[in-house]
Amino acid sequence: MNPLLAICVPTVNRADFLDFFLETHVPIMKEHDVPIYISDNASTDATQDIVTKWQNEYPYIFCKRQSVICNLDENAINALSMSKEKYAWLMGDSYEITKESLESILLNLYDAEYDMVIVNLSNKITAYKNKTYTDCNEFISEVAWISTCVSCNIYSRDLIDNGQHGGYSDTNFGQLGFILSYIAHKDFKLRWLQDVSVVTLKTPVRKEEGWNQVYLDILFRNWQNFIKILPEVYTAESRKKLQDALYVEGTMFHPRRLLHLRAKNIINSENLQLYSKEFNQLPDPNTLKLAKILNQIPVRMCHVLVQTIEWIRRRNYRIRNALGLWPSNR
């Protein structure tokens, strides 16, 4: 079993997604004997059957089922804590590590001593090339927002064993808080790999957005409150850059995302009025204008548009993947 890297997967009642995740990753992990640790958050579906099925295919799959349901951040820590390897890559069950990304990470970690390694998400960040951060304000000013995606984070054994767990678990950004609190008061080395990406796993059925009806409250109220309670070492300037980066670079209010929000009736007259101040403060002044336009389109029509776009994207993905036309870190 590979002593350098583990894959840690928190999951709950997502047996179909976990099955597809393991189908995708077991052949890749087998090539390097990378273990997979699964923390099952007291699932009541067929999760345990899926785990057993894949344990018969690959001996380095380990699973612990929690006896009672805990929150998402606690289950993520549970998954990380199961591992014993030098580094642990936290992975959501709807994300994919490509073969090329795994091999690149193993090369980067060999004989390395980092507190964290952060990878890209579908090559979203292009402005900042591979870099080792030792200044926490520089990190949050440039690339820290990508760590809101749990699957972009690879943790050292020291961070897992000695980091302060739970301090941000009620913020909806617990993993980023876990990282930022750890690097705030110590010398650290954090490696950013712009040229290595995780990608969204193209499951047979599109995953549901985790936040759904509380999306706006989390992105406006919770995110901004999270920024405010960061340790004092973080400057006002770097906090503002982090806050805006999630909105703009994270495409949280990209036109296609706004269409999805309208299709779920999250963009509606009541919410546009309730969050008018926050919409007006977004870096892109056109966001509110587009949201108001979409609000005039019937929800049902937006839902049909979303389904059509998604069908086209998934069909194109299958065709391009079959033809081998995707770049290595698609």
Protein backbone atom coordinates (compact mmCIF):
# COMPACT_ATOMS: atom_id res chain seq x y z
CA MET A 1 0.00 0.00 0.00
CA ASN A 2 1.34 3.41 -0.97
CA PRO A 3 2.65 5.22 2.16
CA LEU A 4 2.74 8.63 0.49
CA LEU A 5 -0.88 9.44 -0.42
CA ALA A 6 -4.42 8.43 0.52
CA ILE A 7 -7.78 9.36 -0.98
CA CYS A 8 -10.38 10.23 1.68
CA VAL A 9 -14.06 10.30 0.76
CA PRO A 10 -16.83 11.52 3.08
CA THR A 11 -20.27 10.41 1.90
CA VAL A 12 -23.87 10.02 3.03
CA ASN A 13 -26.82 8.39 1.26
CA ARG A 14 -25.25 8.72 -2.19
CA ALA A 15 -24.72 5.07 -3.09
CA ASP A 16 -25.12 5.62 -6.84
CA PHE A 17 -22.61 8.47 -6.85
CA LEU A 18 -20.14 6.53 -4.72
CA ASP A 19 -20.46 3.52 -7.02
CA PHE A 20 -19.62 5.65 -10.07
CA PHE A 21 -16.80 7.38 -8.17
CA LEU A 22 -15.19 4.03 -7.32
CA GLU A 23 -15.78 2.66 -10.81
CA THR A 24 -13.87 5.68 -12.14
CA HIS A 25 -11.05 5.75 -9.59
CA VAL A 26 -10.28 2.16 -8.57
CA PRO A 27 -8.46 1.34 -11.85
CA ILE A 28 -6.35 4.50 -11.49
CA MET A 29 -5.54 3.96 -7.80
CA LYS A 30 -4.66 0.31 -8.42
CA GLU A 31 -1.70 1.35 -10.58
CA HIS A 32 -0.04 2.99 -7.56
CA ASP A 33 -1.65 1.07 -4.66
CA VAL A 34 -3.18 4.32 -3.35
CA PRO A 35 -5.66 3.51 -0.54
CA ILE A 36 -9.19 4.90 -0.45
CA TYR A 37 -10.78 5.69 2.94
CA ILE A 38 -14.54 6.20 3.07
CA SER A 39 -16.38 7.77 5.99
CA ASP A 40 -20.04 6.77 5.70
CA ASN A 41 -22.14 9.29 7.60
CA ALA A 42 -24.74 6.81 8.89
CA SER A 43 -26.20 6.20 5.43
CA THR A 44 -29.51 4.38 5.21
CA ASP A 45 -29.24 3.47 1.52
CA ALA A 46 -27.07 0.86 -0.23
CA THR A 47 -23.77 2.60 0.53
CA GLN A 48 -22.37 -0.32 2.52
CA ASP A 49 -23.27 -2.77 -0.27
CA ILE A 50 -21.42 -0.57 -2.77
CA VAL A 51 -18.37 -0.43 -0.51
CA THR A 52 -18.33 -4.22 -0.14
CA LYS A 53 -18.68 -4.66 -3.89
CA TRP A 54 -15.58 -2.56 -4.56
CA GLN A 55 -13.59 -3.97 -1.66
CA ASN A 56 -13.85 -7.29 -3.49
CA GLU A 57 -12.21 -5.58 -6.48
CA TYR A 58 -9.54 -3.61 -4.60
CA PRO A 59 -8.15 -4.56 -1.18
CA TYR A 60 -7.08 -1.03 -0.27
CA ILE A 61 -10.59 0.37 0.26
CA PHE A 62 -11.41 0.99 3.91
CA CYS A 63 -14.76 2.17 5.26
CA LYS A 64 -16.05 3.31 8.62
CA ARG A 65 -19.77 3.84 9.10
CA GLN A 66 -20.64 6.50 11.67
CA SER A 67 -23.26 5.34 14.17
CA VAL A 68 -24.99 8.74 14.21
CA ILE A 69 -25.16 11.50 11.63
CA CYS A 70 -22.64 14.32 12.05
CA ASN A 71 -22.30 17.54 10.06
CA LEU A 72 -20.44 17.63 6.75
CA ASP A 73 -17.25 19.14 8.13
CA GLU A 74 -17.07 16.57 10.92
CA ASN A 75 -17.50 13.77 8.41
CA ALA A 76 -14.71 15.23 6.28
CA ILE A 77 -12.40 15.22 9.31
CA ASN A 78 -13.52 11.66 10.08
CA ALA A 79 -12.47 10.62 6.56
CA LEU A 80 -9.09 12.35 6.84
CA SER A 81 -8.46 10.87 10.28
CA MET A 82 -8.93 7.33 9.00
CA SER A 83 -5.79 7.65 6.88
CA LYS A 84 -2.24 7.04 8.09
CA GLU A 85 -0.34 8.08 4.98
CA LYS A 86 1.92 11.15 4.74
CA TYR A 87 -0.68 13.10 2.74
CA ALA A 88 -4.44 12.75 2.39
CA TRP A 89 -6.46 14.04 -0.56
CA LEU A 90 -10.03 14.87 0.51
CA MET A 91 -12.40 14.04 -2.33
CA GLY A 92 -16.09 14.65 -2.78
CA ASP A 93 -17.81 11.70 -4.45
CA SER A 94 -18.84 13.87 -7.41
CA TYR A 95 -15.30 14.89 -8.41
CA GLU A 96 -12.67 13.13 -10.49
CA ILE A 97 -8.91 12.77 -10.24
CA THR A 98 -7.57 12.05 -13.69
CA LYS A 99 -4.76 9.56 -14.19
CA GLU A 100 -2.44 12.41 -15.21
CA SER A 101 -3.32 14.46 -12.13
CA LEU A 102 -2.66 11.56 -9.77
CA GLU A 103 0.72 10.82 -11.33
CA SER A 104 1.68 14.50 -11.19
CA ILE A 105 0.73 14.73 -7.52
CA LEU A 106 2.73 11.65 -6.60
CA LEU A 107 5.78 13.16 -8.31
CA ASN A 108 5.29 16.49 -6.54
CA LEU A 109 4.89 14.87 -3.13
CA TYR A 110 7.89 12.57 -3.41
CA ASP A 111 10.52 13.74 -0.86
CA ALA A 112 8.48 16.94 -0.31
CA GLU A 113 7.58 18.55 3.01
CA TYR A 114 4.44 20.65 2.68
CA ASP A 115 1.71 21.49 5.17
CA MET A 116 -0.82 21.61 2.34
CA VAL A 117 -1.00 21.08 -1.38
CA ILE A 118 -3.76 22.88 -3.28
CA VAL A 119 -4.73 21.85 -6.81
CA ASN A 120 -6.79 23.60 -9.45
CA LEU A 121 -10.47 23.01 -10.30
CA SER A 122 -11.01 22.43 -14.02
CA ASN A 123 -8.17 24.88 -14.68
CA LYS A 124 -10.25 27.80 -13.35
CA ILE A 125 -7.17 29.67 -12.08
CA THR A 126 -4.69 30.58 -14.82
CA ALA A 127 -3.18 33.82 -13.48
CA TYR A 128 -1.10 32.22 -10.72
CA LYS A 129 1.37 29.52 -11.76
CA ASN A 130 2.87 26.81 -9.56
CA LYS A 131 4.13 28.38 -6.35
CA THR A 132 5.05 27.65 -2.74
CA TYR A 133 3.33 30.03 -0.30
CA THR A 134 4.82 30.98 3.06
CA ASP A 135 2.77 34.15 3.62
CA CYS A 136 -0.86 33.64 4.64
CA ASN A 137 -2.08 37.02 3.32
CA GLU A 138 -0.50 36.38 -0.06
CA PHE A 139 -2.22 33.00 -0.19
CA ILE A 140 -5.72 34.30 0.54
CA SER A 141 -5.22 37.24 -1.83
CA GLU A 142 -4.40 34.95 -4.74
CA VAL A 143 -5.70 31.37 -4.77
CA ALA A 144 -7.26 30.47 -1.40
CA TRP A 145 -10.82 30.73 -2.71
CA ILE A 146 -10.32 27.49 -4.69
CA SER A 147 -10.08 25.63 -1.36
CA THR A 148 -13.82 26.16 -0.86
CA CYS A 149 -13.97 23.12 -3.15
CA VAL A 150 -13.04 20.35 -0.73
CA SER A 151 -11.60 18.21 -3.53
CA CYS A 152 -8.82 20.72 -4.23
CA ASN A 153 -7.17 20.14 -0.85
CA ILE A 154 -4.39 17.69 0.02
CA TYR A 155 -3.54 17.69 3.73
CA SER A 156 -0.29 16.79 5.46
CA ARG A 157 -0.30 14.35 8.33
CA ASP A 158 0.67 17.16 10.73
CA LEU A 159 -2.26 19.32 9.68
CA ILE A 160 -4.70 16.44 10.08
CA ASP A 161 -3.34 15.41 13.48
CA ASN A 162 -2.66 18.84 14.99
CA GLY A 163 -4.98 21.31 13.23
CA GLN A 164 -7.85 22.89 15.14
CA HIS A 165 -10.91 20.97 13.99
CA GLY A 166 -14.41 22.35 14.24
CA GLY A 167 -13.69 26.05 14.68
CA TYR A 168 -15.58 26.94 11.48
CA SER A 169 -17.90 23.94 11.20
CA ASP A 170 -21.07 26.04 11.38
CA THR A 171 -20.03 28.45 8.61
CA ASN A 172 -20.51 26.22 5.52
CA PHE A 173 -16.83 26.90 4.76
CA GLY A 174 -15.34 24.70 7.45
CA GLN A 175 -12.50 23.16 5.44
CA LEU A 176 -11.18 26.54 4.30
CA GLY A 177 -11.42 27.80 7.88
CA PHE A 178 -9.53 24.71 9.06
CA ILE A 179 -6.71 25.53 6.63
CA LEU A 180 -6.61 29.30 7.24
CA SER A 181 -6.60 28.95 11.03
CA TYR A 182 -3.72 26.46 10.80
CA ILE A 183 -1.45 28.67 8.66
CA ALA A 184 -2.31 31.91 10.46
CA HIS A 185 -0.01 31.46 13.45
CA LYS A 186 2.87 29.29 12.27
CA ASP A 187 5.60 29.04 9.70
CA PHE A 188 4.21 26.95 6.88
CA LYS A 189 4.84 25.76 3.34
CA LEU A 190 1.77 25.50 1.15
CA ARG A 191 2.21 24.28 -2.39
CA TRP A 192 -0.11 25.57 -5.12
CA LEU A 193 -0.21 23.50 -8.32
CA GLN A 194 -1.91 25.45 -11.07
CA ASP A 195 -1.20 22.78 -13.68
CA VAL A 196 -2.96 19.96 -11.78
CA SER A 197 -6.76 19.92 -11.70
CA VAL A 198 -9.65 17.96 -10.33
CA VAL A 199 -12.76 17.99 -12.48
CA THR A 200 -16.45 17.41 -11.96
CA LEU A 201 -17.24 13.73 -12.31
CA LYS A 202 -19.68 13.35 -15.18
CA THR A 203 -22.09 11.00 -13.44
CA PRO A 204 -24.95 9.46 -15.46
CA VAL A 205 -27.36 11.77 -13.60
CA ARG A 206 -26.43 15.35 -12.80
CA LYS A 207 -25.71 15.92 -9.12
CA GLU A 208 -28.03 18.22 -7.18
CA GLU A 209 -26.55 21.44 -5.86
CA GLY A 210 -25.86 20.92 -2.18
CA TRP A 211 -27.08 24.34 -1.07
CA ASN A 212 -30.23 24.74 -3.20
CA GLN A 213 -32.75 27.03 -1.48
CA VAL A 214 -30.19 28.50 0.95
CA TYR A 215 -27.70 29.28 -1.84
CA LEU A 216 -28.04 33.07 -1.67
CA ASP A 217 -27.92 33.17 2.11
CA ILE A 218 -24.74 31.10 2.15
CA LEU A 219 -23.01 33.04 -0.63
CA PHE A 220 -23.93 36.45 0.73
CA ARG A 221 -24.42 36.23 4.50
CA ASN A 222 -22.42 33.13 5.53
CA TRP A 223 -19.47 33.78 3.23
CA GLN A 224 -19.13 37.40 4.27
CA ASN A 225 -19.47 36.52 7.96
CA PHE A 226 -16.84 33.80 7.50
CA ILE A 227 -14.43 36.39 6.10
CA LYS A 228 -15.02 38.64 9.12
CA ILE A 229 -14.17 35.99 11.74
CA LEU A 230 -10.84 34.95 10.24
CA PRO A 231 -7.82 35.44 12.53
CA GLU A 232 -6.64 39.04 12.89
CA VAL A 233 -3.41 38.32 11.03
CA TYR A 234 -5.39 38.53 7.78
CA THR A 235 -5.53 42.11 6.48
CA ALA A 236 -8.66 43.94 5.34
CA GLU A 237 -7.25 44.11 1.81
CA SER A 238 -6.57 40.38 1.55
CA ARG A 239 -9.97 39.54 3.06
CA LYS A 240 -11.70 41.66 0.41
CA LYS A 241 -9.73 39.96 -2.37
CA LEU A 242 -10.71 36.54 -1.01
CA GLN A 243 -14.37 37.53 -0.75
CA ASP A 244 -14.59 38.88 -4.31
CA ALA A 245 -12.55 36.05 -5.82
CA LEU A 246 -15.16 33.46 -4.89
CA TYR A 247 -17.88 35.51 -6.57
CA VAL A 248 -15.95 36.29 -9.76
CA GLU A 249 -13.30 33.59 -10.32
CA GLY A 250 -15.46 30.97 -8.63
CA THR A 251 -18.26 31.84 -11.08
CA MET A 252 -20.85 31.69 -8.28
CA PHE A 253 -23.02 34.09 -10.29
CA HIS A 254 -22.04 33.07 -13.81
CA PRO A 255 -24.95 33.43 -16.28
CA ARG A 256 -25.41 29.65 -16.49
CA ARG A 257 -25.44 29.44 -12.67
CA LEU A 258 -28.04 32.21 -12.53
CA LEU A 259 -30.16 30.24 -15.02
CA HIS A 260 -29.95 27.21 -12.69
CA LEU A 261 -30.98 29.39 -9.75
CA ARG A 262 -33.97 30.73 -11.66
CA ALA A 263 -34.95 27.17 -12.69
CA LYS A 264 -35.07 26.30 -8.97
CA ASN A 265 -37.01 29.52 -8.24
CA ILE A 266 -34.14 30.77 -6.08
CA ILE A 267 -33.94 33.80 -8.31
CA ASN A 268 -37.36 35.37 -7.71
CA SER A 269 -38.81 38.77 -6.89
CA GLU A 270 -38.75 38.18 -3.14
CA ASN A 271 -35.07 37.18 -3.06
CA LEU A 272 -34.03 39.94 -5.44
CA GLN A 273 -35.54 42.42 -3.01
CA LEU A 274 -34.21 40.63 0.10
CA TYR A 275 -30.64 40.52 -1.22
CA SER A 276 -30.70 43.71 -3.30
CA LYS A 277 -27.87 45.30 -1.28
CA GLU A 278 -25.65 42.23 -1.66
CA PHE A 279 -26.37 41.93 -5.39
CA ASN A 280 -25.47 45.60 -5.86
CA GLN A 281 -22.15 45.08 -4.07
CA LEU A 282 -21.00 42.24 -6.32
CA PRO A 283 -17.87 43.02 -8.37
CA ASP A 284 -19.76 42.54 -11.65
CA PRO A 285 -22.49 45.22 -11.85
CA ASN A 286 -24.29 43.28 -14.58
CA THR A 287 -25.17 40.37 -12.27
CA LEU A 288 -28.27 42.01 -10.82
CA LYS A 289 -29.40 43.17 -14.27
CA LEU A 290 -29.20 39.62 -15.63
CA ALA A 291 -30.93 38.20 -12.55
CA LYS A 292 -33.82 40.63 -13.07
CA ILE A 293 -34.10 39.62 -16.73
CA LEU A 294 -34.16 35.92 -15.83
CA ASN A 295 -36.80 36.66 -13.22
CA GLN A 296 -39.15 37.59 -16.05
CA ILE A 297 -38.79 34.13 -17.64
CA PRO A 298 -41.11 31.41 -16.29
CA VAL A 299 -39.40 28.93 -13.96
CA ARG A 300 -40.60 25.97 -16.04
CA MET A 301 -39.02 27.39 -19.21
CA CYS A 302 -35.72 27.92 -17.40
CA HIS A 303 -35.88 24.35 -16.13
CA VAL A 304 -36.26 23.05 -19.68
CA LEU A 305 -33.32 25.21 -20.82
CA VAL A 306 -31.15 23.85 -18.01
CA GLN A 307 -32.01 20.25 -18.88
CA THR A 308 -31.29 20.87 -22.58
CA ILE A 309 -27.93 22.50 -21.91
CA GLU A 310 -26.98 19.72 -19.51
CA TRP A 311 -27.93 17.01 -22.02
CA ILE A 312 -25.80 18.67 -24.71
CA ARG A 313 -22.82 19.08 -22.34
CA ARG A 314 -22.94 15.46 -21.20
CA ARG A 315 -23.33 14.13 -24.73
CA ASN A 316 -20.34 16.21 -25.89
CA TYR A 317 -18.34 15.02 -22.88
CA ARG A 318 -18.99 11.37 -23.76
CA ILE A 319 -18.10 11.91 -27.42
CA ARG A 320 -14.90 13.84 -26.71
CA ASN A 321 -13.87 11.43 -23.97
CA ALA A 322 -14.40 8.44 -26.26
CA LEU A 323 -12.28 10.12 -28.93
CA GLY A 324 -9.56 11.05 -26.44
CA LEU A 325 -9.91 14.75 -27.24
CA TRP A 326 -9.84 16.04 -23.63
CA PRO A 327 -6.70 17.76 -22.39
CA SER A 328 -4.92 15.95 -19.55
CA ASN A 329 -6.47 18.11 -16.83
CA ARG A 330 -9.88 18.65 -18.40
